[in-house]
Amino acid sequence: MSRLRVKFGSICIGEVTYNYDIIIHTDGSVSRRKKELSRAFRSKYGHTPLTIIEVKELIEEKPEVIVIGTGIYGALPLLDIRDYITSSGVKCIVERTPEAIKIYERLCDEGRKVAAIFHVTC
């Protein structure tokens, strides 16, 4: 995995820049976060929160760890995510996105089977 860099509103993996939240799957592939799955909760939280329905596909990949970056300032709301992930037998690490990236890269360097969700704003 190429090194990641984040600034408010975007995340770069190697030479590719994404101007939206991303998911990095256990095989290293990258996809756009499917925020529309959680959009019904947006008005209540002022942001589209991360919900269990978005995390289910990552659990099916059977990672050892899921790293969640909650944004530059850590403002991404998480709805019952930690308990859901840990009850599935997967370790859950939640940090602001810049710190979460460092943790994700360290785990990858250690050869761990890891997935990640990175929020790139707030």
Foldseek 3Di string as FASTA:
>chain_A
DAAWDADAQWIDRVHDIDRFKWKQALVRDIDGQPLVVQVVCCVVQVHRAAEPVSCVVRLVSVFQEEEEACEQVNRHHYDCVCVVQVVSVHHYHYDHQVVSSVVVVVCVVVVGRYMYIHGRHD
